[in-house]
PDB file of all heavy atoms in Angstrom:
ATOM      1  N   VAL A   1       8.342  -2.348  -3.204  1.00  0.00           N
ATOM      2  CA  VAL A   1       7.407  -3.311  -3.856  1.00  0.00           C
ATOM      3  C   VAL A   1       6.766  -4.144  -2.754  1.00  0.00           C
ATOM      4  O   VAL A   1       7.464  -4.682  -1.930  1.00  0.00           O
ATOM      5  CB  VAL A   1       8.094  -4.196  -4.900  1.00  0.00           C
ATOM      6  CG1 VAL A   1       7.139  -5.181  -5.487  1.00  0.00           C
ATOM      7  CG2 VAL A   1       8.737  -3.346  -5.959  1.00  0.00           C
ATOM      8  N   ILE A   2       5.490  -4.219  -2.762  1.00  0.00           N
ATOM      9  CA  ILE A   2       4.729  -4.995  -1.821  1.00  0.00           C
ATOM     10  C   ILE A   2       4.051  -6.148  -2.597  1.00  0.00           C
ATOM     11  O   ILE A   2       3.374  -5.945  -3.587  1.00  0.00           O
ATOM     12  CB  ILE A   2       3.647  -4.172  -1.089  1.00  0.00           C
ATOM     13  CG1 ILE A   2       4.343  -3.078  -0.268  1.00  0.00           C
ATOM     14  CG2 ILE A   2       2.839  -5.115  -0.165  1.00  0.00           C
ATOM     15  CD1 ILE A   2       3.438  -2.112   0.488  1.00  0.00           C
ATOM     16  N   HIS A   3       4.230  -7.346  -2.053  1.00  0.00           N
ATOM     17  CA  HIS A   3       3.614  -8.591  -2.607  1.00  0.00           C
ATOM     18  C   HIS A   3       2.453  -8.905  -1.673  1.00  0.00           C
ATOM     19  O   HIS A   3       2.566  -8.919  -0.440  1.00  0.00           O
ATOM     20  CB  HIS A   3       4.638  -9.672  -2.569  1.00  0.00           C
ATOM     21  CG  HIS A   3       4.116 -11.009  -2.963  1.00  0.00           C
ATOM     22  ND1 HIS A   3       3.942 -12.056  -2.071  1.00  0.00           N
ATOM     23  CD2 HIS A   3       3.663 -11.481  -4.151  1.00  0.00           C
ATOM     24  CE1 HIS A   3       3.479 -13.113  -2.668  1.00  0.00           C
ATOM     25  NE2 HIS A   3       3.274 -12.769  -3.946  1.00  0.00           N
ATOM     26  N   HIS A   4       1.260  -9.211  -2.304  1.00  0.00           N
ATOM     27  CA  HIS A   4       0.089  -9.521  -1.486  1.00  0.00           C
ATOM     28  C   HIS A   4      -0.756 -10.513  -2.257  1.00  0.00           C
ATOM     29  O   HIS A   4      -0.758 -10.502  -3.490  1.00  0.00           O
ATOM     30  CB  HIS A   4      -0.693  -8.213  -1.184  1.00  0.00           C
ATOM     31  CG  HIS A   4      -1.701  -8.434  -0.085  1.00  0.00           C
ATOM     32  ND1 HIS A   4      -1.375  -8.323   1.236  1.00  0.00           N
ATOM     33  CD2 HIS A   4      -2.997  -8.694  -0.131  1.00  0.00           C
ATOM     34  CE1 HIS A   4      -2.439  -8.519   1.983  1.00  0.00           C
ATOM     35  NE2 HIS A   4      -3.446  -8.760   1.184  1.00  0.00           N
ATOM     36  N   ILE A   5      -1.465 -11.354  -1.519  1.00  0.00           N
ATOM     37  CA  ILE A   5      -2.390 -12.282  -2.139  1.00  0.00           C
ATOM     38  C   ILE A   5      -3.809 -11.932  -1.726  1.00  0.00           C
ATOM     39  O   ILE A   5      -4.116 -11.849  -0.517  1.00  0.00           O
ATOM     40  CB  ILE A   5      -2.015 -13.737  -1.793  1.00  0.00           C
ATOM     41  CG1 ILE A   5      -0.641 -14.077  -2.355  1.00  0.00           C
ATOM     42  CG2 ILE A   5      -3.105 -14.718  -2.390  1.00  0.00           C
ATOM     43  CD1 ILE A   5      -0.081 -15.426  -2.040  1.00  0.00           C
ATOM     44  N   PHE A   6      -4.620 -11.722  -2.728  1.00  0.00           N
ATOM     45  CA  PHE A   6      -6.019 -11.358  -2.521  1.00  0.00           C
ATOM     46  C   PHE A   6      -6.917 -12.552  -2.886  1.00  0.00           C
ATOM     47  O   PHE A   6      -6.503 -13.374  -3.679  1.00  0.00           O
ATOM     48  CB  PHE A   6      -6.447 -10.128  -3.357  1.00  0.00           C
ATOM     49  CG  PHE A   6      -5.628  -8.909  -3.006  1.00  0.00           C
ATOM     50  CD1 PHE A   6      -4.520  -8.542  -3.786  1.00  0.00           C
ATOM     51  CD2 PHE A   6      -5.946  -8.116  -1.896  1.00  0.00           C
ATOM     52  CE1 PHE A   6      -3.772  -7.416  -3.486  1.00  0.00           C
ATOM     53  CE2 PHE A   6      -5.193  -6.988  -1.581  1.00  0.00           C
ATOM     54  CZ  PHE A   6      -4.119  -6.640  -2.374  1.00  0.00           C
ATOM     55  N   ASN A   7      -8.124 -12.590  -2.355  1.00  0.00           N
ATOM     56  CA  ASN A   7      -9.083 -13.632  -2.675  1.00  0.00           C
ATOM     57  C   ASN A   7     -10.331 -13.042  -3.275  1.00  0.00           C
ATOM     58  O   ASN A   7     -10.698 -11.913  -2.931  1.00  0.00           O
ATOM     59  CB  ASN A   7      -9.457 -14.424  -1.379  1.00  0.00           C
ATOM     60  CG  ASN A   7      -8.260 -15.147  -0.842  1.00  0.00           C
ATOM     61  OD1 ASN A   7      -7.627 -15.945  -1.514  1.00  0.00           O
ATOM     62  ND2 ASN A   7      -7.893 -14.868   0.414  1.00  0.00           N
ATOM     63  N   GLY A   8     -10.996 -13.836  -4.090  1.00  0.00           N
ATOM     64  CA  GLY A   8     -12.253 -13.404  -4.692  1.00  0.00           C
ATOM     65  C   GLY A   8     -12.285 -13.547  -6.160  1.00  0.00           C
ATOM     66  O   GLY A   8     -11.443 -14.179  -6.790  1.00  0.00           O
ATOM     67  N   SER A   9     -13.285 -12.938  -6.771  1.00  0.00           N
ATOM     68  CA  SER A   9     -13.409 -12.948  -8.247  1.00  0.00           C
ATOM     69  C   SER A   9     -12.384 -12.023  -8.832  1.00  0.00           C
ATOM     70  O   SER A   9     -11.696 -11.240  -8.131  1.00  0.00           O
ATOM     71  CB  SER A   9     -14.813 -12.470  -8.612  1.00  0.00           C
ATOM     72  OG  SER A   9     -14.958 -11.108  -8.321  1.00  0.00           O
ATOM     73  N   ARG A  10     -12.281 -12.048 -10.209  1.00  0.00           N
ATOM     74  CA  ARG A  10     -11.371 -11.151 -10.894  1.00  0.00           C
ATOM     75  C   ARG A  10     -11.550  -9.671 -10.443  1.00  0.00           C
ATOM     76  O   ARG A  10     -10.572  -9.014 -10.079  1.00  0.00           O
ATOM     77  CB  ARG A  10     -11.651 -11.188 -12.418  1.00  0.00           C
ATOM     78  CG  ARG A  10     -10.917 -12.231 -13.175  1.00  0.00           C
ATOM     79  CD  ARG A  10     -11.236 -12.090 -14.673  1.00  0.00           C
ATOM     80  NE  ARG A  10     -10.521 -11.023 -15.328  1.00  0.00           N
ATOM     81  CZ  ARG A  10      -9.252 -11.080 -15.609  1.00  0.00           C
ATOM     82  NH1 ARG A  10      -8.522 -12.129 -15.310  1.00  0.00           N
ATOM     83  NH2 ARG A  10      -8.660 -10.041 -16.258  1.00  0.00           N
ATOM     84  N   ASN A  11     -12.775  -9.193 -10.470  1.00  0.00           N
ATOM     85  CA  ASN A  11     -13.009  -7.831 -10.128  1.00  0.00           C
ATOM     86  C   ASN A  11     -12.792  -7.558  -8.663  1.00  0.00           C
ATOM     87  O   ASN A  11     -12.323  -6.470  -8.329  1.00  0.00           O
ATOM     88  CB  ASN A  11     -14.406  -7.388 -10.595  1.00  0.00           C
ATOM     89  CG  ASN A  11     -14.423  -7.159 -12.092  1.00  0.00           C
ATOM     90  OD1 ASN A  11     -13.406  -6.852 -12.743  1.00  0.00           O
ATOM     91  ND2 ASN A  11     -15.610  -7.317 -12.679  1.00  0.00           N
ATOM     92  N   GLU A  12     -13.122  -8.502  -7.815  1.00  0.00           N
ATOM     93  CA  GLU A  12     -12.864  -8.294  -6.365  1.00  0.00           C
ATOM     94  C   GLU A  12     -11.358  -8.181  -6.095  1.00  0.00           C
ATOM     95  O   GLU A  12     -10.907  -7.374  -5.351  1.00  0.00           O
ATOM     96  CB  GLU A  12     -13.451  -9.481  -5.577  1.00  0.00           C
ATOM     97  CG  GLU A  12     -14.982  -9.405  -5.518  1.00  0.00           C
ATOM     98  CD  GLU A  12     -15.596 -10.667  -4.937  1.00  0.00           C
ATOM     99  OE1 GLU A  12     -14.952 -11.730  -4.908  1.00  0.00           O
ATOM    100  OE2 GLU A  12     -16.744 -10.582  -4.498  1.00  0.00           O
ATOM    101  N   ILE A  13     -10.570  -8.995  -6.796  1.00  0.00           N
ATOM    102  CA  ILE A  13      -9.106  -8.955  -6.652  1.00  0.00           C
ATOM    103  C   ILE A  13      -8.582  -7.601  -7.084  1.00  0.00           C
ATOM    104  O   ILE A  13      -7.788  -6.970  -6.412  1.00  0.00           O
ATOM    105  CB  ILE A  13      -8.413 -10.116  -7.368  1.00  0.00           C
ATOM    106  CG1 ILE A  13      -8.727 -11.428  -6.682  1.00  0.00           C
ATOM    107  CG2 ILE A  13      -6.929  -9.867  -7.533  1.00  0.00           C
ATOM    108  CD1 ILE A  13      -8.391 -12.679  -7.487  1.00  0.00           C
ATOM    109  N   ARG A  14      -9.036  -7.109  -8.220  1.00  0.00           N
ATOM    110  CA  ARG A  14      -8.618  -5.825  -8.737  1.00  0.00           C
ATOM    111  C   ARG A  14      -9.009  -4.711  -7.813  1.00  0.00           C
ATOM    112  O   ARG A  14      -8.214  -3.811  -7.509  1.00  0.00           O
ATOM    113  CB  ARG A  14      -9.187  -5.641 -10.163  1.00  0.00           C
ATOM    114  CG  ARG A  14      -8.655  -6.568 -11.164  1.00  0.00           C
ATOM    115  CD  ARG A  14      -9.407  -6.490 -12.517  1.00  0.00           C
ATOM    116  NE  ARG A  14      -9.284  -5.219 -13.106  1.00  0.00           N
ATOM    117  CZ  ARG A  14     -10.289  -4.416 -13.423  1.00  0.00           C
ATOM    118  NH1 ARG A  14     -11.556  -4.799 -13.239  1.00  0.00           N
ATOM    119  NH2 ARG A  14     -10.105  -3.223 -13.967  1.00  0.00           N
ATOM    120  N   GLU A  15     -10.276  -4.762  -7.316  1.00  0.00           N
ATOM    121  CA  GLU A  15     -10.733  -3.695  -6.401  1.00  0.00           C
ATOM    122  C   GLU A  15      -9.970  -3.704  -5.081  1.00  0.00           C
ATOM    123  O   GLU A  15      -9.595  -2.666  -4.538  1.00  0.00           O
ATOM    124  CB  GLU A  15     -12.202  -3.852  -6.160  1.00  0.00           C
ATOM    125  CG  GLU A  15     -13.036  -3.483  -7.403  1.00  0.00           C
ATOM    126  CD  GLU A  15     -14.529  -3.929  -7.272  1.00  0.00           C
ATOM    127  OE1 GLU A  15     -14.896  -4.536  -6.257  1.00  0.00           O
ATOM    128  OE2 GLU A  15     -15.262  -3.686  -8.240  1.00  0.00           O
ATOM    129  N   GLN A  16      -9.715  -4.916  -4.552  1.00  0.00           N
ATOM    130  CA  GLN A  16      -8.978  -5.036  -3.318  1.00  0.00           C
ATOM    131  C   GLN A  16      -7.507  -4.502  -3.500  1.00  0.00           C
ATOM    132  O   GLN A  16      -6.959  -3.843  -2.575  1.00  0.00           O
ATOM    133  CB  GLN A  16      -8.902  -6.501  -2.860  1.00  0.00           C
ATOM    134  CG  GLN A  16     -10.194  -7.046  -2.366  1.00  0.00           C
ATOM    135  CD  GLN A  16     -10.135  -8.536  -2.120  1.00  0.00           C
ATOM    136  OE1 GLN A  16      -9.189  -9.047  -1.438  1.00  0.00           O
ATOM    137  NE2 GLN A  16     -11.084  -9.306  -2.704  1.00  0.00           N
ATOM    138  N   ALA A  17      -6.908  -4.795  -4.642  1.00  0.00           N
ATOM    139  CA  ALA A  17      -5.554  -4.309  -4.906  1.00  0.00           C
ATOM    140  C   ALA A  17      -5.532  -2.742  -4.923  1.00  0.00           C
ATOM    141  O   ALA A  17      -4.616  -2.158  -4.325  1.00  0.00           O
ATOM    142  CB  ALA A  17      -5.020  -4.845  -6.198  1.00  0.00           C
ATOM    143  N   VAL A  18      -6.509  -2.155  -5.517  1.00  0.00           N
ATOM    144  CA  VAL A  18      -6.579  -0.683  -5.576  1.00  0.00           C
ATOM    145  C   VAL A  18      -6.745  -0.124  -4.163  1.00  0.00           C
ATOM    146  O   VAL A  18      -6.014   0.801  -3.776  1.00  0.00           O
ATOM    147  CB  VAL A  18      -7.721  -0.215  -6.511  1.00  0.00           C
ATOM    148  CG1 VAL A  18      -8.011   1.293  -6.317  1.00  0.00           C
ATOM    149  CG2 VAL A  18      -7.366  -0.497  -7.951  1.00  0.00           C
ATOM    150  N   GLN A  19      -7.681  -0.658  -3.362  1.00  0.00           N
ATOM    151  CA  GLN A  19      -7.881  -0.176  -2.026  1.00  0.00           C
ATOM    152  C   GLN A  19      -6.631  -0.363  -1.149  1.00  0.00           C
ATOM    153  O   GLN A  19      -6.237   0.506  -0.392  1.00  0.00           O
ATOM    154  CB  GLN A  19      -9.101  -0.852  -1.357  1.00  0.00           C
ATOM    155  CG  GLN A  19     -10.407  -0.482  -2.036  1.00  0.00           C
ATOM    156  CD  GLN A  19     -10.683   0.979  -1.962  1.00  0.00           C
ATOM    157  OE1 GLN A  19     -10.727   1.542  -0.881  1.00  0.00           O
ATOM    158  NE2 GLN A  19     -10.913   1.648  -3.086  1.00  0.00           N
ATOM    159  N   PHE A  20      -5.977  -1.547  -1.285  1.00  0.00           N
ATOM    160  CA  PHE A  20      -4.800  -1.857  -0.490  1.00  0.00           C
ATOM    161  C   PHE A  20      -3.670  -0.823  -0.883  1.00  0.00           C
ATOM    162  O   PHE A  20      -2.979  -0.323  -0.015  1.00  0.00           O
ATOM    163  CB  PHE A  20      -4.369  -3.248  -0.815  1.00  0.00           C
ATOM    164  CG  PHE A  20      -3.159  -3.684  -0.017  1.00  0.00           C
ATOM    165  CD1 PHE A  20      -3.309  -4.263   1.232  1.00  0.00           C
ATOM    166  CD2 PHE A  20      -1.883  -3.645  -0.574  1.00  0.00           C
ATOM    167  CE1 PHE A  20      -2.184  -4.711   1.994  1.00  0.00           C
ATOM    168  CE2 PHE A  20      -0.780  -4.081   0.143  1.00  0.00           C
ATOM    169  CZ  PHE A  20      -0.911  -4.569   1.420  1.00  0.00           C
ATOM    170  N   ALA A  21      -3.548  -0.539  -2.168  1.00  0.00           N
ATOM    171  CA  ALA A  21      -2.508   0.377  -2.618  1.00  0.00           C
ATOM    172  C   ALA A  21      -2.789   1.765  -2.082  1.00  0.00           C
ATOM    173  O   ALA A  21      -1.825   2.472  -1.663  1.00  0.00           O
ATOM    174  CB  ALA A  21      -2.403   0.393  -4.140  1.00  0.00           C
ATOM    175  N   CYS A  22      -4.017   2.205  -2.065  1.00  0.00           N
ATOM    176  CA  CYS A  22      -4.353   3.526  -1.509  1.00  0.00           C
ATOM    177  C   CYS A  22      -3.976   3.569  -0.027  1.00  0.00           C
ATOM    178  O   CYS A  22      -3.387   4.571   0.449  1.00  0.00           O
ATOM    179  CB  CYS A  22      -5.858   3.807  -1.714  1.00  0.00           C
ATOM    180  SG  CYS A  22      -6.348   4.195  -3.366  1.00  0.00           S
ATOM    181  N   GLU A  23      -4.299   2.525   0.735  1.00  0.00           N
ATOM    182  CA  GLU A  23      -3.956   2.478   2.141  1.00  0.00           C
ATOM    183  C   GLU A  23      -2.434   2.537   2.340  1.00  0.00           C
ATOM    184  O   GLU A  23      -1.992   3.272   3.199  1.00  0.00           O
ATOM    185  CB  GLU A  23      -4.543   1.169   2.748  1.00  0.00           C
ATOM    186  CG  GLU A  23      -6.011   1.134   2.839  1.00  0.00           C
ATOM    187  CD  GLU A  23      -6.567  -0.270   3.127  1.00  0.00           C
ATOM    188  OE1 GLU A  23      -5.775  -1.151   3.428  1.00  0.00           O
ATOM    189  OE2 GLU A  23      -7.793  -0.429   3.058  1.00  0.00           O
ATOM    190  N   GLN A  24      -1.711   1.719   1.566  1.00  0.00           N
ATOM    191  CA  GLN A  24      -0.286   1.703   1.769  1.00  0.00           C
ATOM    192  C   GLN A  24       0.380   3.049   1.424  1.00  0.00           C
ATOM    193  O   GLN A  24       1.259   3.523   2.089  1.00  0.00           O
ATOM    194  CB  GLN A  24       0.340   0.571   0.885  1.00  0.00           C
ATOM    195  CG  GLN A  24      -0.051  -0.837   1.291  1.00  0.00           C
ATOM    196  CD  GLN A  24       0.230  -1.102   2.734  1.00  0.00           C
ATOM    197  OE1 GLN A  24       1.352  -0.939   3.211  1.00  0.00           O
ATOM    198  NE2 GLN A  24      -0.770  -1.581   3.473  1.00  0.00           N
ATOM    199  N   LEU A  25      -0.087   3.630   0.328  1.00  0.00           N
ATOM    200  CA  LEU A  25       0.451   4.913  -0.108  1.00  0.00           C
ATOM    201  C   LEU A  25       0.161   6.016   0.894  1.00  0.00           C
ATOM    202  O   LEU A  25       1.023   6.826   1.170  1.00  0.00           O
ATOM    203  CB  LEU A  25      -0.078   5.239  -1.472  1.00  0.00           C
ATOM    204  CG  LEU A  25       0.559   6.411  -2.179  1.00  0.00           C
ATOM    205  CD1 LEU A  25       2.083   6.274  -2.261  1.00  0.00           C
ATOM    206  CD2 LEU A  25       0.024   6.566  -3.594  1.00  0.00           C
ATOM    207  N   LEU A  26      -1.022   5.999   1.474  1.00  0.00           N
ATOM    208  CA  LEU A  26      -1.395   6.952   2.502  1.00  0.00           C
ATOM    209  C   LEU A  26      -0.426   6.814   3.732  1.00  0.00           C
ATOM    210  O   LEU A  26       0.033   7.852   4.234  1.00  0.00           O
ATOM    211  CB  LEU A  26      -2.842   6.793   2.899  1.00  0.00           C
ATOM    212  CG  LEU A  26      -3.451   7.863   3.753  1.00  0.00           C
ATOM    213  CD1 LEU A  26      -3.338   9.275   3.087  1.00  0.00           C
ATOM    214  CD2 LEU A  26      -4.918   7.573   4.056  1.00  0.00           C
ATOM    215  N   LYS A  27      -0.177   5.595   4.106  1.00  0.00           N
ATOM    216  CA  LYS A  27       0.767   5.362   5.180  1.00  0.00           C
ATOM    217  C   LYS A  27       2.204   5.866   4.832  1.00  0.00           C
ATOM    218  O   LYS A  27       2.840   6.528   5.657  1.00  0.00           O
ATOM    219  CB  LYS A  27       0.898   3.867   5.517  1.00  0.00           C
ATOM    220  CG  LYS A  27      -0.278   3.301   6.230  1.00  0.00           C
ATOM    221  CD  LYS A  27      -0.092   1.844   6.464  1.00  0.00           C
ATOM    222  CE  LYS A  27      -1.369   1.134   6.887  1.00  0.00           C
ATOM    223  NZ  LYS A  27      -1.213  -0.338   6.969  1.00  0.00           N
ATOM    224  N   MET A  28       2.632   5.630   3.619  1.00  0.00           N
ATOM    225  CA  MET A  28       3.996   6.039   3.200  1.00  0.00           C
ATOM    226  C   MET A  28       4.117   7.559   3.159  1.00  0.00           C
ATOM    227  O   MET A  28       5.182   8.078   3.406  1.00  0.00           O
ATOM    228  CB  MET A  28       4.289   5.469   1.811  1.00  0.00           C
ATOM    229  CG  MET A  28       4.502   4.022   1.794  1.00  0.00           C
ATOM    230  SD  MET A  28       4.683   3.410   0.080  1.00  0.00           S
ATOM    231  CE  MET A  28       4.566   1.668   0.300  1.00  0.00           C
ATOM    232  N   LEU A  29       3.028   8.242   2.854  1.00  0.00           N
ATOM    233  CA  LEU A  29       3.039   9.706   2.734  1.00  0.00           C
ATOM    234  C   LEU A  29       2.838  10.458   4.053  1.00  0.00           C
ATOM    235  O   LEU A  29       3.039  11.619   4.187  1.00  0.00           O
ATOM    236  CB  LEU A  29       1.992  10.193   1.756  1.00  0.00           C
ATOM    237  CG  LEU A  29       2.235   9.752   0.278  1.00  0.00           C
ATOM    238  CD1 LEU A  29       1.037  10.071  -0.575  1.00  0.00           C
ATOM    239  CD2 LEU A  29       3.488  10.358  -0.276  1.00  0.00           C
ATOM    240  N   SER A  30       2.408   9.664   5.076  1.00  0.00           N
ATOM    241  CA  SER A  30       2.100  10.315   6.366  1.00  0.00           C
ATOM    242  C   SER A  30       3.325  10.403   7.266  1.00  0.00           C
ATOM    243  O   SER A  30       4.302   9.784   7.061  1.00  0.00           O
ATOM    244  CB  SER A  30       0.981   9.531   7.065  1.00  0.00           C
ATOM    245  OG  SER A  30      -0.195   9.652   6.349  1.00  0.00           O
TER     246      SER A  30
END
């Protein structure tokens, strides 16, 4: 479980969380 704080509007926070999760998962799978 990764805890992170994002900044921005509702949609920016949601979009950043998705991008961050993709990045983290790619690292975990490599």
